[in-house]
Amino acid sequence: MNRKKLLALTNTSIGIFMAFANYNMIIIALPAIFKGLNFNPTSPDSLGYLIWVILGYMVVTASLVVTFGRISDLKGRARLYTIGFLIFAIASTLLASITSTGNLGVMEMIIFRLLQGVGGGLLMVNSTAVLTDYFDRRELGKALGLNQVAGLVGGVAGLIIGGILSIYNWRFIFVFSAVVGIIGTIWSALTLKDIQKPIKRSIDVIGNTLFALGITILLISVTYGLLPYNNQPLDWSNPWVIAGILVSVGLISSFVFIERKVKDPMFDLSLFKNKDFSTSNTANMIASLARQGILLMLLVLLQGIWLPLHGVPYCDTPFWAGIYLIPNVLGFAVFGPISGILSDRYGGKILTSIGLTISGIGFLLLTLLPYNFNLYEFFAITFIQGAGMGLFTAPNTADMMASVPINKRGSASGMRAALQNTASAFSVVFYFSILISAMTGSLDSSISSALSSYGIHVNASIPASVVIFSALLGYDPLSAFSSSLPHSIAVKIDNPQFFVTAIAPSFMSSLRLTLYISAGLLFMSALISAFRESGRVGRLGNSTQGEQKAERSIAKGS
C-alpha cells in the first residue's frame, strides 16, 4: 500500500472512528447529561425531547447526505470531507459550552446535535467515495473492510471513553469529540487531495429541496408517532402526524417526477439500471431496516431485565450493556476485513448472501433464549450475528461503489447513505412501535399482579414508553410510580426482581416477534443480493479513461 492510499485510509478511518465513538459516548453519557442539565427524561412530557436527542442526528443525515454527495461531486470530495470535520468540531465545541438547563438546555443540545449531523453527513458520504477514488477495484474491498474495523473500534472505545468521562463531567465527551474533530480537520486539509477535478454541472435546487423536505417531514412524523396521544400509547391517530406523512409522500412523489425531467438530477435514478448498484442498495437498505431497531431492543433487554436481575444498578446498566454487546462488534470486526479481501479476489455475490443468511439465523437463535439467559450463549449468538453482517457489509459497499462512474461516486455514496439512514430511522420507530403496543395491553395488569404478590393492592398505570426509555437510559423505570406510594410499600418493591417479573413476559413476547420479522427481512435481502452480477473482479479494463488514469496515478504514488 503506497503513501497516498495509506493517507486516504487513515483520514477516512479517523472520521468513521469518531462517528461511531461519538454516538456511543453520547448514549452512554445521557443519564449524566440529563442530570447536569437538570432534566427529567422519564416524564411523559419529556419524551419528545428524548426522542430528538436520540434520533435527531439520524434524521438530518438521512435528509441531507444525497445533497452533500452531489455537491461533493461538483466541488471536490476531499474538500467537503475536510469541511465536514470542521463543522463536526464546531458543533462539538458548542455542545460542550451549553449553560442553559431544563427544557431549554436540552433544546440547545438538540439544535447543536443537528449541526453535528451536518458535519457527520459530510464525513459519511465522502469517506466511502474518497476510498473508492484512491483504491482500484482489486483493493477496494480490503480498504473498506479495514475502514469498518476502525469504526467498530471507535464504537467500543466510545463505550469506554463515554463511561469514564461522564463520571467526571459530561462536557468532557464533547471536548474529546472537538479535539478529534480539530485533529481530523488539520490532517485531512494537509494530506487529502481530490483525485478527480470537480465537475462543472448545475445543482438541482428543486430536487434537493423536495427531497430534503420530504424525508425530514416523513421522519419527524413517524418519530412523533412514538409519543402517547389522547390516552393512547402511540401517536399514529394524531391529525398532525397523519398530515405530515401525507405531505411527505406528496413531496417525495414530486421529487421522483422532477428527477426524471431535469438535466442534472440530484438523485441519479439511471444508476439503478446497473444491477450491482440496485441490488446492493436494496440489500443494504433492507438489512439496515432489519438490524438497527433490534440493536436497541437488545439494549433494552440487557438494561431493563438481565443486568438489574443480576445485581447491576440501573445507573450502570448503559455502560455494561455496551460492553456485553462487544462480541457482536468483534464478529463484525473479525469477518469484515476477511470478507473484503476475499471479495477483491472472488467477487461479493456469494459472500453477501451467506453473510445475510448467517445474520438472520443469529436472530432466530436469539428467539430461543429466555429473559434470564446464559450469558455465554448470548455472547456466542451475537458474535454469529455480527460475523454475518461483517461478511456482508464490505463486499456489498465495494460492489456498489465500483459499479458507478468516477464522476458520480459522491452522488452514489449519498444515495447509499440516505437509503441506509432512512431505513435505520424507520427501523427504530417500527420496532419501538411494536414493543410499546404489545406491552401496553399487558403492562398494567402485569405490574398489578406483581404488586399483589407483595400484598399491595393498587391500580398501577405506567406508560410503556416511559418504562422502555427509562430502562434504555439507565433509570429505574418504576421510580416515578413507587415515589407516589407510601414508604413502607415502596421499599417492598424496590428490587430488580419485582420489575423483571412485571415486564419480562410481555417484553419477551414482543421481542421475539421483532426478531422473527428481522430474520425474514435478512433472508429476503440475501435472496436479492444473490441476483447481483458482482463483476468487480478483473474488470479494470472496462473502466473509463478517467478512472484508469486516476488509478494509475495512485498506483505510482505520484
Protein backbone atom coordinates (compact mmCIF):
# COMPACT_ATOMS: atom_id res chain seq x y z
CA MET A 1 0.00 0.00 0.00
CA ASN A 2 1.64 3.25 -1.14
CA ARG A 3 1.73 6.53 0.76
CA LYS A 4 -1.28 8.13 -0.95
CA LYS A 5 -3.52 5.17 -0.27
CA LEU A 6 -2.33 4.95 3.33
CA LEU A 7 -3.09 8.65 3.89
CA ALA A 8 -6.58 8.25 2.41
CA LEU A 9 -7.25 5.21 4.60
CA THR A 10 -6.03 6.92 7.79
CA ASN A 11 -8.06 10.06 7.05
CA THR A 12 -11.32 8.21 6.48
CA SER A 13 -10.62 5.86 9.40
CA ILE A 14 -10.33 8.82 11.78
CA GLY A 15 -13.69 10.06 10.51
CA ILE A 16 -15.53 6.78 10.91
CA PHE A 17 -13.84 6.12 14.26
CA MET A 18 -15.15 9.43 15.55
CA ALA A 19 -18.64 8.88 14.12
CA PHE A 20 -19.06 5.55 15.92
CA ALA A 21 -17.33 6.69 19.11
CA ASN A 22 -19.36 9.91 19.31
CA TYR A 23 -22.72 8.13 19.04
CA ASN A 24 -21.87 5.56 21.73
CA MET A 25 -20.30 8.15 24.03
CA ILE A 26 -23.48 10.20 23.99
CA ILE A 27 -25.79 7.21 24.52
CA ILE A 28 -23.71 6.04 27.49
CA ALA A 29 -23.47 9.55 28.96
CA LEU A 30 -27.14 10.56 28.55
CA PRO A 31 -28.01 9.99 32.25
CA ALA A 32 -25.08 12.21 33.28
CA ILE A 33 -26.00 14.79 30.61
CA PHE A 34 -29.63 14.99 31.71
CA LYS A 35 -28.61 15.20 35.36
CA GLY A 36 -26.20 18.01 34.55
CA LEU A 37 -28.91 19.84 32.62
CA ASN A 38 -31.46 19.29 35.40
CA PHE A 39 -33.79 17.47 33.01
CA ASN A 40 -36.05 14.51 33.83
CA PRO A 41 -36.31 12.29 30.71
CA THR A 42 -38.68 9.80 32.39
CA SER A 43 -41.57 12.26 32.41
CA PRO A 44 -44.15 11.62 29.65
CA ASP A 45 -43.92 15.31 28.71
CA SER A 46 -40.18 14.89 28.10
CA LEU A 47 -40.39 12.02 25.62
CA GLY A 48 -40.45 14.35 22.60
CA TYR A 49 -37.14 15.92 23.66
CA LEU A 50 -35.69 12.48 24.40
CA ILE A 51 -36.60 11.07 21.01
CA TRP A 52 -34.99 14.02 19.24
CA VAL A 53 -31.80 13.70 21.27
CA ILE A 54 -31.56 10.04 20.19
CA LEU A 55 -32.83 10.28 16.59
CA GLY A 56 -32.22 13.90 15.53
CA TYR A 57 -28.70 13.20 14.26
CA MET A 58 -30.01 10.32 12.16
CA VAL A 59 -32.85 12.40 10.72
CA VAL A 60 -30.59 15.22 9.50
CA THR A 61 -28.04 12.87 7.95
CA ALA A 62 -30.75 10.91 6.13
CA SER A 63 -32.22 14.15 4.76
CA LEU A 64 -29.01 15.78 3.56
CA VAL A 65 -26.49 13.12 2.51
CA VAL A 66 -27.74 12.89 -1.08
CA THR A 67 -27.43 16.66 -1.43
CA PHE A 68 -23.98 16.53 0.15
CA GLY A 69 -22.92 13.78 -2.23
CA ARG A 70 -23.99 15.77 -5.24
CA ILE A 71 -22.25 18.93 -4.00
CA SER A 72 -19.10 16.89 -3.34
CA ASP A 73 -19.04 15.71 -6.95
CA LEU A 74 -19.28 19.35 -8.04
CA LYS A 75 -16.90 20.97 -5.53
CA GLY A 76 -14.48 18.19 -4.58
CA ARG A 77 -14.93 15.22 -2.26
CA ALA A 78 -11.71 15.75 -0.25
CA ARG A 79 -12.56 19.42 0.29
CA LEU A 80 -16.08 18.67 1.52
CA TYR A 81 -14.73 15.88 3.73
CA THR A 82 -12.44 18.42 5.44
CA ILE A 83 -15.33 20.88 5.83
CA GLY A 84 -17.38 18.10 7.42
CA PHE A 85 -14.68 17.56 10.04
CA LEU A 86 -14.59 21.30 10.76
CA ILE A 87 -18.38 21.54 11.21
CA PHE A 88 -18.30 18.46 13.45
CA ALA A 89 -15.59 20.08 15.62
CA ILE A 90 -17.51 23.38 15.88
CA ALA A 91 -20.76 21.61 16.85
CA SER A 92 -18.94 19.52 19.47
CA THR A 93 -17.48 22.72 20.96
CA LEU A 94 -20.95 24.28 21.12
CA LEU A 95 -22.34 21.16 22.81
CA ALA A 96 -19.62 21.33 25.46
CA SER A 97 -20.49 25.00 26.06
CA ILE A 98 -24.22 24.64 26.85
CA THR A 99 -25.08 26.59 30.01
CA SER A 100 -28.90 26.53 29.95
CA THR A 101 -30.80 23.93 31.97
CA GLY A 102 -34.13 22.14 31.81
CA ASN A 103 -36.06 22.01 28.54
CA LEU A 104 -34.12 24.96 27.11
CA GLY A 105 -30.79 23.25 27.72
CA VAL A 106 -31.99 20.05 26.03
CA MET A 107 -33.37 22.07 23.10
CA GLU A 108 -29.96 23.67 22.62
CA MET A 109 -28.42 20.20 22.71
CA ILE A 110 -30.82 19.01 20.00
CA ILE A 111 -30.00 22.01 17.77
CA PHE A 112 -26.24 21.54 18.14
CA ARG A 113 -26.62 17.79 17.56
CA LEU A 114 -28.42 18.59 14.30
CA LEU A 115 -25.47 20.79 13.33
CA GLN A 116 -23.15 17.95 14.30
CA GLY A 117 -25.23 15.77 11.98
CA VAL A 118 -24.44 18.13 9.10
CA GLY A 119 -20.73 17.57 9.70
CA GLY A 120 -21.27 13.85 10.20
CA GLY A 121 -23.24 13.67 6.96
CA LEU A 122 -20.37 15.24 5.00
CA LEU A 123 -17.93 12.79 6.58
CA MET A 124 -20.21 9.83 5.98
CA VAL A 125 -20.93 10.47 2.32
CA ASN A 126 -17.38 11.41 1.35
CA SER A 127 -15.35 8.81 3.27
CA THR A 128 -16.60 5.93 1.10
CA ALA A 129 -16.29 8.00 -2.08
CA VAL A 130 -12.72 9.06 -1.21
CA LEU A 131 -11.67 5.46 -0.60
CA THR A 132 -13.24 4.44 -3.91
CA ASP A 133 -11.23 7.19 -5.63
CA TYR A 134 -7.92 6.13 -4.08
CA PHE A 135 -8.23 2.32 -4.24
CA ASP A 136 -8.74 0.48 -7.50
CA ARG A 137 -11.34 -2.21 -7.89
CA ARG A 138 -8.94 -5.00 -6.93
CA GLU A 139 -8.22 -3.50 -3.48
CA LEU A 140 -11.41 -1.67 -2.63
CA GLY A 141 -12.99 -4.44 -0.55
CA LYS A 142 -9.90 -4.70 1.66
CA ALA A 143 -9.80 -0.93 2.18
CA LEU A 144 -13.48 -0.75 3.09
CA GLY A 145 -13.10 -3.71 5.44
CA LEU A 146 -10.23 -2.03 7.31
CA ASN A 147 -12.20 1.21 7.39
CA GLN A 148 -15.12 -0.60 9.02
CA VAL A 149 -12.82 -2.06 11.66
CA ALA A 150 -11.79 1.50 12.56
CA GLY A 151 -15.45 2.34 13.02
CA LEU A 152 -16.09 -0.68 15.20
CA VAL A 153 -13.03 0.05 17.33
CA GLY A 154 -14.45 3.54 17.70
CA GLY A 155 -17.76 2.08 18.84
CA VAL A 156 -16.08 0.05 21.60
CA ALA A 157 -13.80 2.95 22.52
CA GLY A 158 -16.84 5.22 22.71
CA LEU A 159 -18.45 2.99 25.32
CA ILE A 160 -15.35 3.06 27.48
CA ILE A 161 -14.43 6.71 26.93
CA GLY A 162 -18.01 7.90 27.42
CA GLY A 163 -18.45 5.82 30.56
CA ILE A 164 -15.23 7.16 32.11
CA LEU A 165 -15.53 10.82 31.08
CA SER A 166 -19.17 11.12 32.15
CA ILE A 167 -18.15 10.14 35.69
CA TYR A 168 -16.09 13.35 35.92
CA ASN A 169 -18.09 15.76 33.73
CA TRP A 170 -20.45 15.12 30.82
CA ARG A 171 -18.94 18.06 28.91
CA PHE A 172 -15.67 16.17 28.55
CA ILE A 173 -17.20 13.81 25.96
CA PHE A 174 -17.90 16.75 23.65
CA VAL A 175 -14.48 18.24 24.37
CA PHE A 176 -13.00 14.89 23.27
CA SER A 177 -15.09 14.98 20.08
CA ALA A 178 -14.00 18.57 19.40
CA VAL A 179 -10.31 17.72 19.84
CA VAL A 180 -10.50 14.74 17.48
CA GLY A 181 -12.52 16.86 15.05
CA ILE A 182 -9.83 19.55 15.01
CA ILE A 183 -7.08 16.96 14.50
CA GLY A 184 -9.07 15.36 11.68
CA THR A 185 -9.66 18.76 10.04
CA ILE A 186 -5.96 19.65 10.05
CA TRP A 187 -4.82 16.18 8.96
CA SER A 188 -7.23 15.91 6.05
CA ALA A 189 -6.55 19.50 4.92
CA LEU A 190 -2.80 18.81 4.81
CA THR A 191 -2.79 15.35 3.27
CA LEU A 192 -6.03 14.58 1.41
CA LYS A 193 -6.34 15.71 -2.20
CA ASP A 194 -9.05 15.30 -4.79
CA ILE A 195 -8.19 12.65 -7.37
CA GLN A 196 -10.66 13.94 -9.92
CA LYS A 197 -11.17 17.59 -10.76
CA PRO A 198 -14.59 18.82 -9.66
CA ILE A 199 -17.15 18.50 -12.45
CA LYS A 200 -18.96 21.54 -13.84
CA ARG A 201 -22.67 20.89 -13.64
CA SER A 202 -25.64 22.71 -12.21
CA ILE A 203 -27.12 21.90 -8.81
CA ASP A 204 -30.67 20.57 -8.88
CA VAL A 205 -32.11 23.11 -6.41
CA ILE A 206 -35.73 22.00 -6.77
CA GLY A 207 -34.86 18.32 -6.42
CA ASN A 208 -32.63 18.94 -3.41
CA THR A 209 -35.33 20.99 -1.70
CA LEU A 210 -38.14 18.50 -2.37
CA PHE A 211 -36.07 15.54 -1.18
CA ALA A 212 -34.77 17.22 1.98
CA LEU A 213 -38.23 18.48 2.95
CA GLY A 214 -39.94 15.18 2.11
CA ILE A 215 -37.55 12.97 4.06
CA THR A 216 -37.36 15.39 7.00
CA ILE A 217 -41.14 15.75 7.37
CA LEU A 218 -41.59 11.99 6.96
CA LEU A 219 -39.03 11.10 9.64
CA ILE A 220 -40.33 13.80 12.01
CA SER A 221 -43.88 12.49 11.59
CA VAL A 222 -43.08 8.83 12.18
CA THR A 223 -40.79 9.75 15.09
CA TYR A 224 -43.61 11.61 16.84
CA GLY A 225 -45.75 8.56 16.25
CA LEU A 226 -43.94 7.03 19.24
CA LEU A 227 -45.42 9.56 21.67
CA PRO A 228 -48.65 8.97 23.67
CA TYR A 229 -51.74 10.75 22.34
CA ASN A 230 -55.27 11.07 23.75
CA ASN A 231 -54.74 8.28 26.29
CA GLN A 232 -53.37 6.07 23.51
CA PRO A 233 -49.88 4.56 23.79
CA LEU A 234 -48.86 5.84 20.34
CA ASP A 235 -49.46 8.99 18.32
CA TRP A 236 -50.44 7.47 14.98
CA SER A 237 -54.01 8.83 15.15
CA ASN A 238 -52.80 12.40 15.69
CA PRO A 239 -54.02 14.55 12.73
CA TRP A 240 -50.64 16.31 12.61
CA VAL A 241 -48.79 13.01 12.27
CA ILE A 242 -51.18 11.79 9.56
CA ALA A 243 -50.95 15.12 7.71
CA GLY A 244 -47.15 15.08 7.95
CA ILE A 245 -46.96 11.61 6.42
CA LEU A 246 -49.33 12.57 3.57
CA VAL A 247 -47.42 15.80 2.84
CA SER A 248 -44.09 13.97 2.83
CA VAL A 249 -45.40 11.32 0.44
CA GLY A 250 -46.57 14.11 -1.88
CA LEU A 251 -43.19 15.85 -1.73
CA ILE A 252 -41.23 12.64 -2.38
CA SER A 253 -43.54 11.71 -5.28
CA SER A 254 -42.99 15.17 -6.77
CA PHE A 255 -39.25 14.71 -6.28
CA VAL A 256 -39.24 11.42 -8.24
CA PHE A 257 -41.20 13.09 -11.05
CA ILE A 258 -38.83 16.09 -11.16
CA GLU A 259 -35.71 13.90 -11.17
CA ARG A 260 -36.88 12.23 -14.36
CA LYS A 261 -37.11 15.58 -16.13
CA VAL A 262 -34.11 17.69 -15.05
CA LYS A 263 -30.80 17.65 -16.91
CA ASP A 264 -28.54 17.09 -13.90
CA PRO A 265 -30.65 15.28 -11.28
CA MET A 266 -29.54 15.11 -7.66
CA PHE A 267 -30.80 11.53 -7.24
CA ASP A 268 -29.49 9.88 -10.39
CA LEU A 269 -32.16 7.24 -10.96
CA SER A 270 -30.27 5.96 -14.02
CA LEU A 271 -27.72 4.36 -11.67
CA PHE A 272 -30.38 1.86 -10.63
CA LYS A 273 -30.29 0.43 -14.13
CA ASN A 274 -26.97 -1.11 -13.08
CA LYS A 275 -27.82 -4.43 -11.45
CA ASP A 276 -24.93 -4.34 -8.96
CA PHE A 277 -25.86 -0.85 -7.80
CA SER A 278 -29.58 -1.55 -7.48
CA THR A 279 -29.31 -4.95 -5.79
CA SER A 280 -26.57 -3.88 -3.36
CA ASN A 281 -28.51 -0.74 -2.39
CA THR A 282 -31.73 -2.68 -1.90
CA ALA A 283 -29.99 -5.36 0.15
CA ASN A 284 -28.25 -2.72 2.28
CA MET A 285 -31.48 -0.81 2.92
CA ILE A 286 -33.40 -3.93 3.97
CA ALA A 287 -30.52 -5.08 6.18
CA SER A 288 -30.48 -1.65 7.90
CA LEU A 289 -34.23 -1.89 8.45
CA ALA A 290 -33.77 -5.33 9.99
CA ARG A 291 -30.78 -4.51 12.19
CA GLN A 292 -30.86 -1.02 13.74
CA GLY A 293 -34.05 -1.36 15.77
CA ILE A 294 -33.07 -4.81 17.02
CA LEU A 295 -29.82 -3.47 18.48
CA LEU A 296 -31.84 -1.06 20.62
CA MET A 297 -34.20 -3.89 21.59
CA LEU A 298 -31.21 -5.88 22.82
CA LEU A 299 -30.04 -2.87 24.82
CA VAL A 300 -33.46 -2.68 26.49
CA LEU A 301 -33.29 -6.42 27.20
CA LEU A 302 -29.91 -6.03 28.87
CA GLN A 303 -30.56 -2.74 30.66
CA GLY A 304 -34.15 -3.33 31.70
CA ILE A 305 -34.12 -7.02 32.55
CA TRP A 306 -30.92 -9.07 32.56
CA LEU A 307 -28.43 -6.67 34.17
CA PRO A 308 -30.73 -5.46 37.01
CA LEU A 309 -31.73 -9.06 37.63
CA HIS A 310 -28.05 -9.88 38.16
CA GLY A 311 -27.41 -7.07 40.60
CA VAL A 312 -26.17 -4.25 38.34
CA PRO A 313 -27.55 -0.83 39.44
CA TYR A 314 -29.68 0.93 36.84
CA CYS A 315 -27.24 3.85 36.67
CA ASP A 316 -24.51 1.44 35.48
CA THR A 317 -26.58 -0.61 33.01
CA PRO A 318 -25.90 1.53 29.87
CA PHE A 319 -22.16 1.03 30.22
CA TRP A 320 -22.33 -2.72 30.86
CA ALA A 321 -24.93 -3.29 28.15
CA GLY A 322 -22.48 -1.76 25.68
CA ILE A 323 -19.69 -3.96 26.99
CA TYR A 324 -21.85 -7.09 26.70
CA LEU A 325 -22.52 -6.32 23.02
CA ILE A 326 -18.79 -6.29 22.24
CA PRO A 327 -18.94 -9.92 20.94
CA ASN A 328 -21.34 -8.65 18.27
CA VAL A 329 -18.81 -5.96 17.36
CA LEU A 330 -15.95 -8.47 17.39
CA GLY A 331 -17.80 -10.73 14.97
CA PHE A 332 -18.14 -7.80 12.62
CA ALA A 333 -14.51 -6.70 13.13
CA VAL A 334 -13.04 -10.16 12.51
CA PHE A 335 -15.00 -11.04 9.39
CA GLY A 336 -15.28 -7.55 7.84
CA PRO A 337 -11.67 -7.35 6.58
CA ILE A 338 -11.64 -11.05 5.67
CA SER A 339 -14.72 -10.68 3.50
CA GLY A 340 -13.27 -7.52 1.94
CA ILE A 341 -10.08 -9.33 0.91
CA LEU A 342 -12.00 -12.36 -0.39
CA SER A 343 -14.41 -10.20 -2.37
CA ASP A 344 -11.47 -8.47 -4.09
CA ARG A 345 -10.43 -11.89 -5.38
CA TYR A 346 -13.72 -13.69 -5.96
CA GLY A 347 -16.47 -11.05 -6.06
CA GLY A 348 -19.12 -10.24 -3.48
CA LYS A 349 -22.22 -12.15 -4.56
CA ILE A 350 -21.70 -15.33 -2.52
CA LEU A 351 -20.19 -13.56 0.50
CA THR A 352 -23.03 -11.05 0.85
CA SER A 353 -25.76 -13.68 0.57
CA ILE A 354 -24.02 -16.01 3.03
CA GLY A 355 -23.43 -13.15 5.47
CA LEU A 356 -27.06 -12.04 5.46
CA THR A 357 -28.25 -15.63 5.89
CA ILE A 358 -25.91 -16.19 8.87
CA SER A 359 -27.09 -12.96 10.47
CA GLY A 360 -30.72 -13.99 10.00
CA ILE A 361 -30.00 -17.36 11.64
CA GLY A 362 -28.43 -15.44 14.54
CA PHE A 363 -31.70 -13.55 15.06
CA LEU A 364 -33.65 -16.80 15.05
CA LEU A 365 -31.31 -18.27 17.66
CA LEU A 366 -31.95 -15.25 19.89
CA THR A 367 -35.67 -16.13 19.96
CA LEU A 368 -34.79 -19.35 21.80
CA LEU A 369 -33.28 -17.53 24.80
CA PRO A 370 -35.30 -16.90 28.00
CA TYR A 371 -35.09 -13.49 29.65
CA ASN A 372 -32.71 -14.87 32.29
CA PHE A 373 -30.41 -16.31 29.63
CA ASN A 374 -26.97 -17.84 29.90
CA LEU A 375 -24.55 -15.00 29.18
CA TYR A 376 -22.11 -17.11 27.15
CA GLU A 377 -24.91 -18.35 24.90
CA PHE A 378 -25.87 -14.71 24.34
CA PHE A 379 -22.25 -13.85 23.52
CA ALA A 380 -21.96 -16.71 21.03
CA ILE A 381 -25.20 -15.86 19.21
CA THR A 382 -24.49 -12.13 18.99
CA PHE A 383 -20.99 -12.92 17.71
CA ILE A 384 -22.55 -15.05 14.95
CA GLN A 385 -24.97 -12.27 14.09
CA GLY A 386 -22.15 -9.70 13.92
CA ALA A 387 -19.98 -12.05 11.84
CA GLY A 388 -22.77 -12.36 9.28
CA MET A 389 -23.07 -8.58 8.95
CA GLY A 390 -19.27 -8.36 8.69
CA LEU A 391 -19.30 -10.79 5.77
CA PHE A 392 -21.99 -8.71 4.07
CA THR A 393 -21.02 -5.07 4.51
CA ALA A 394 -17.59 -4.57 2.89
CA PRO A 395 -18.26 -6.61 -0.29
CA ASN A 396 -21.69 -5.03 -0.65
CA THR A 397 -20.34 -1.48 -0.39
CA ALA A 398 -17.41 -2.27 -2.69
CA ASP A 399 -19.67 -3.75 -5.38
CA MET A 400 -21.98 -0.76 -5.10
CA MET A 401 -19.30 1.91 -5.38
CA ALA A 402 -17.23 0.13 -8.04
CA SER A 403 -20.28 -0.09 -10.29
CA VAL A 404 -20.61 3.68 -10.79
CA PRO A 405 -18.50 6.11 -12.88
CA ILE A 406 -15.87 8.14 -11.03
CA ASN A 407 -17.70 11.44 -11.59
CA LYS A 408 -20.82 10.13 -9.80
CA ARG A 409 -19.24 8.48 -6.76
CA GLY A 410 -20.16 11.27 -4.35
CA SER A 411 -23.76 11.21 -5.51
CA ALA A 412 -23.86 7.40 -5.37
CA SER A 413 -22.42 7.36 -1.86
CA GLY A 414 -25.01 9.95 -0.81
CA MET A 415 -27.81 7.82 -2.22
CA ARG A 416 -26.47 4.79 -0.36
CA ALA A 417 -26.22 6.71 2.91
CA ALA A 418 -29.67 8.29 2.51
CA LEU A 419 -31.39 4.96 1.93
CA GLN A 420 -29.44 3.31 4.76
CA ASN A 421 -30.07 6.09 7.30
CA THR A 422 -33.74 6.41 6.42
CA ALA A 423 -34.18 2.65 6.81
CA SER A 424 -32.32 2.75 10.15
CA ALA A 425 -34.57 5.52 11.47
CA PHE A 426 -37.67 3.65 10.31
CA SER A 427 -36.33 0.51 11.97
CA VAL A 428 -36.12 2.24 15.35
CA VAL A 429 -39.63 3.69 15.04
CA PHE A 430 -41.11 0.44 13.68
CA TYR A 431 -39.71 -1.84 16.37
CA PHE A 432 -40.39 0.56 19.23
CA SER A 433 -43.99 0.86 17.97
CA ILE A 434 -44.35 -2.92 18.09
CA LEU A 435 -42.79 -3.09 21.54
CA ILE A 436 -44.87 -0.26 23.02
CA SER A 437 -48.12 -1.57 21.51
CA ALA A 438 -47.50 -5.13 22.68
CA MET A 439 -46.53 -4.10 26.21
CA THR A 440 -49.36 -1.58 26.66
CA GLY A 441 -52.00 -4.27 26.63
CA SER A 442 -50.41 -6.28 29.42
CA LEU A 443 -48.04 -4.00 31.35
CA ASP A 444 -50.53 -2.53 33.87
CA SER A 445 -52.09 -5.89 34.64
CA SER A 446 -48.64 -7.49 34.96
CA ILE A 447 -47.48 -4.81 37.41
CA SER A 448 -50.72 -5.05 39.40
CA SER A 449 -50.30 -8.82 39.57
CA ALA A 450 -46.70 -8.45 40.71
CA LEU A 451 -47.80 -5.93 43.35
CA SER A 452 -50.45 -8.34 44.59
CA SER A 453 -47.77 -10.97 45.23
CA TYR A 454 -46.24 -8.46 47.65
CA GLY A 455 -49.59 -7.86 49.34
CA ILE A 456 -50.01 -4.48 47.63
CA HIS A 457 -53.41 -3.92 46.02
CA VAL A 458 -53.40 -0.72 43.95
CA ASN A 459 -54.22 0.10 40.35
CA ALA A 460 -50.92 0.52 38.52
CA SER A 461 -50.70 2.70 35.45
CA ILE A 462 -47.31 3.36 33.84
CA PRO A 463 -46.95 4.23 30.12
CA ALA A 464 -45.00 1.53 28.32
CA SER A 465 -42.96 4.20 26.53
CA VAL A 466 -41.79 5.62 29.88
CA VAL A 467 -40.76 2.16 31.10
CA ILE A 468 -38.85 1.35 27.89
CA PHE A 469 -37.00 4.65 27.53
CA SER A 470 -36.20 4.76 31.25
CA ALA A 471 -34.59 1.34 31.01
CA LEU A 472 -32.71 2.36 27.87
CA LEU A 473 -31.25 5.40 29.65
CA GLY A 474 -30.29 3.66 32.87
CA TYR A 475 -33.11 4.99 35.07
CA ASP A 476 -35.20 2.90 37.43
CA PRO A 477 -38.40 2.51 35.36
CA LEU A 478 -40.54 2.23 38.49
CA SER A 479 -39.12 5.23 40.33
CA ALA A 480 -41.92 7.57 39.25
CA PHE A 481 -44.55 5.05 40.27
CA SER A 482 -43.00 3.93 43.57
CA SER A 483 -42.41 7.52 44.68
CA SER A 484 -46.18 8.01 44.81
CA LEU A 485 -46.62 5.08 47.21
CA PRO A 486 -46.25 5.10 50.98
CA HIS A 487 -42.64 4.47 52.01
CA SER A 488 -43.48 1.19 53.72
CA ILE A 489 -44.91 -0.11 50.44
CA ALA A 490 -42.31 1.43 48.12
CA VAL A 491 -39.40 -0.30 49.87
CA LYS A 492 -41.02 -3.68 49.29
CA ILE A 493 -40.87 -3.32 45.52
CA ASP A 494 -37.51 -1.55 45.40
CA ASN A 495 -35.67 -4.52 43.89
CA PRO A 496 -34.96 -5.64 40.33
CA GLN A 497 -36.82 -8.94 40.70
CA PHE A 498 -40.11 -7.06 41.01
CA PHE A 499 -39.59 -5.09 37.81
CA VAL A 500 -38.38 -8.11 35.84
CA THR A 501 -41.37 -10.16 36.99
CA ALA A 502 -43.68 -7.36 35.95
CA ILE A 503 -42.46 -6.64 32.42
CA ALA A 504 -40.44 -9.64 31.23
CA PRO A 505 -43.32 -11.79 29.83
CA SER A 506 -44.81 -9.04 27.65
CA PHE A 507 -41.39 -7.72 26.64
CA MET A 508 -40.03 -11.10 25.56
CA SER A 509 -43.14 -11.86 23.54
CA SER A 510 -42.83 -8.65 21.52
CA LEU A 511 -39.03 -9.00 21.26
CA ARG A 512 -39.40 -12.43 19.67
CA LEU A 513 -41.89 -11.00 17.17
CA THR A 514 -39.39 -8.32 16.11
CA LEU A 515 -36.63 -10.94 15.82
CA TYR A 516 -38.79 -13.09 13.54
CA ILE A 517 -39.53 -10.04 11.37
CA SER A 518 -35.84 -9.12 11.18
CA ALA A 519 -34.80 -12.66 10.30
CA GLY A 520 -37.34 -12.70 7.48
CA LEU A 521 -36.07 -9.36 6.17
CA LEU A 522 -32.47 -10.58 6.21
CA PHE A 523 -33.35 -13.79 4.35
CA MET A 524 -35.19 -11.71 1.74
CA SER A 525 -32.17 -9.40 1.48
CA ALA A 526 -29.89 -12.42 0.98
CA LEU A 527 -32.06 -13.58 -1.91
CA ILE A 528 -31.99 -10.13 -3.53
CA SER A 529 -28.22 -9.95 -3.10
CA ALA A 530 -27.80 -13.24 -4.96
CA PHE A 531 -29.10 -11.60 -8.16
CA ARG A 532 -26.18 -9.19 -8.49
CA GLU A 533 -23.57 -9.67 -11.20
CA SER A 534 -20.66 -8.67 -8.96
CA GLY A 535 -18.38 -8.07 -11.92
CA ARG A 536 -15.85 -6.07 -9.93
CA VAL A 537 -13.03 -8.63 -10.20
CA GLY A 538 -10.90 -8.48 -13.30
CA ARG A 539 -12.87 -5.69 -14.97
CA LEU A 540 -10.44 -2.83 -14.59
CA GLY A 541 -10.13 -2.71 -18.34
CA ASN A 542 -13.79 -1.78 -18.67
CA SER A 543 -13.44 1.38 -16.58
CA THR A 544 -13.45 4.83 -18.12
CA GLN A 545 -10.26 6.54 -19.22
CA GLY A 546 -10.58 8.97 -16.31
CA GLU A 547 -10.82 6.08 -13.85
CA GLN A 548 -7.83 4.30 -15.36
CA LYS A 549 -5.74 7.49 -15.28
CA ALA A 550 -6.63 8.15 -11.63
CA GLU A 551 -5.91 4.55 -10.66
CA ARG A 552 -2.52 4.60 -12.43
CA SER A 553 -1.66 7.85 -10.62
CA ILE A 554 -2.47 6.34 -7.25
CA ALA A 555 -0.57 3.15 -8.07
CA LYS A 556 2.57 5.15 -8.89
CA GLY A 557 2.26 7.17 -5.71
CA SER A 558 2.78 10.36 -7.70
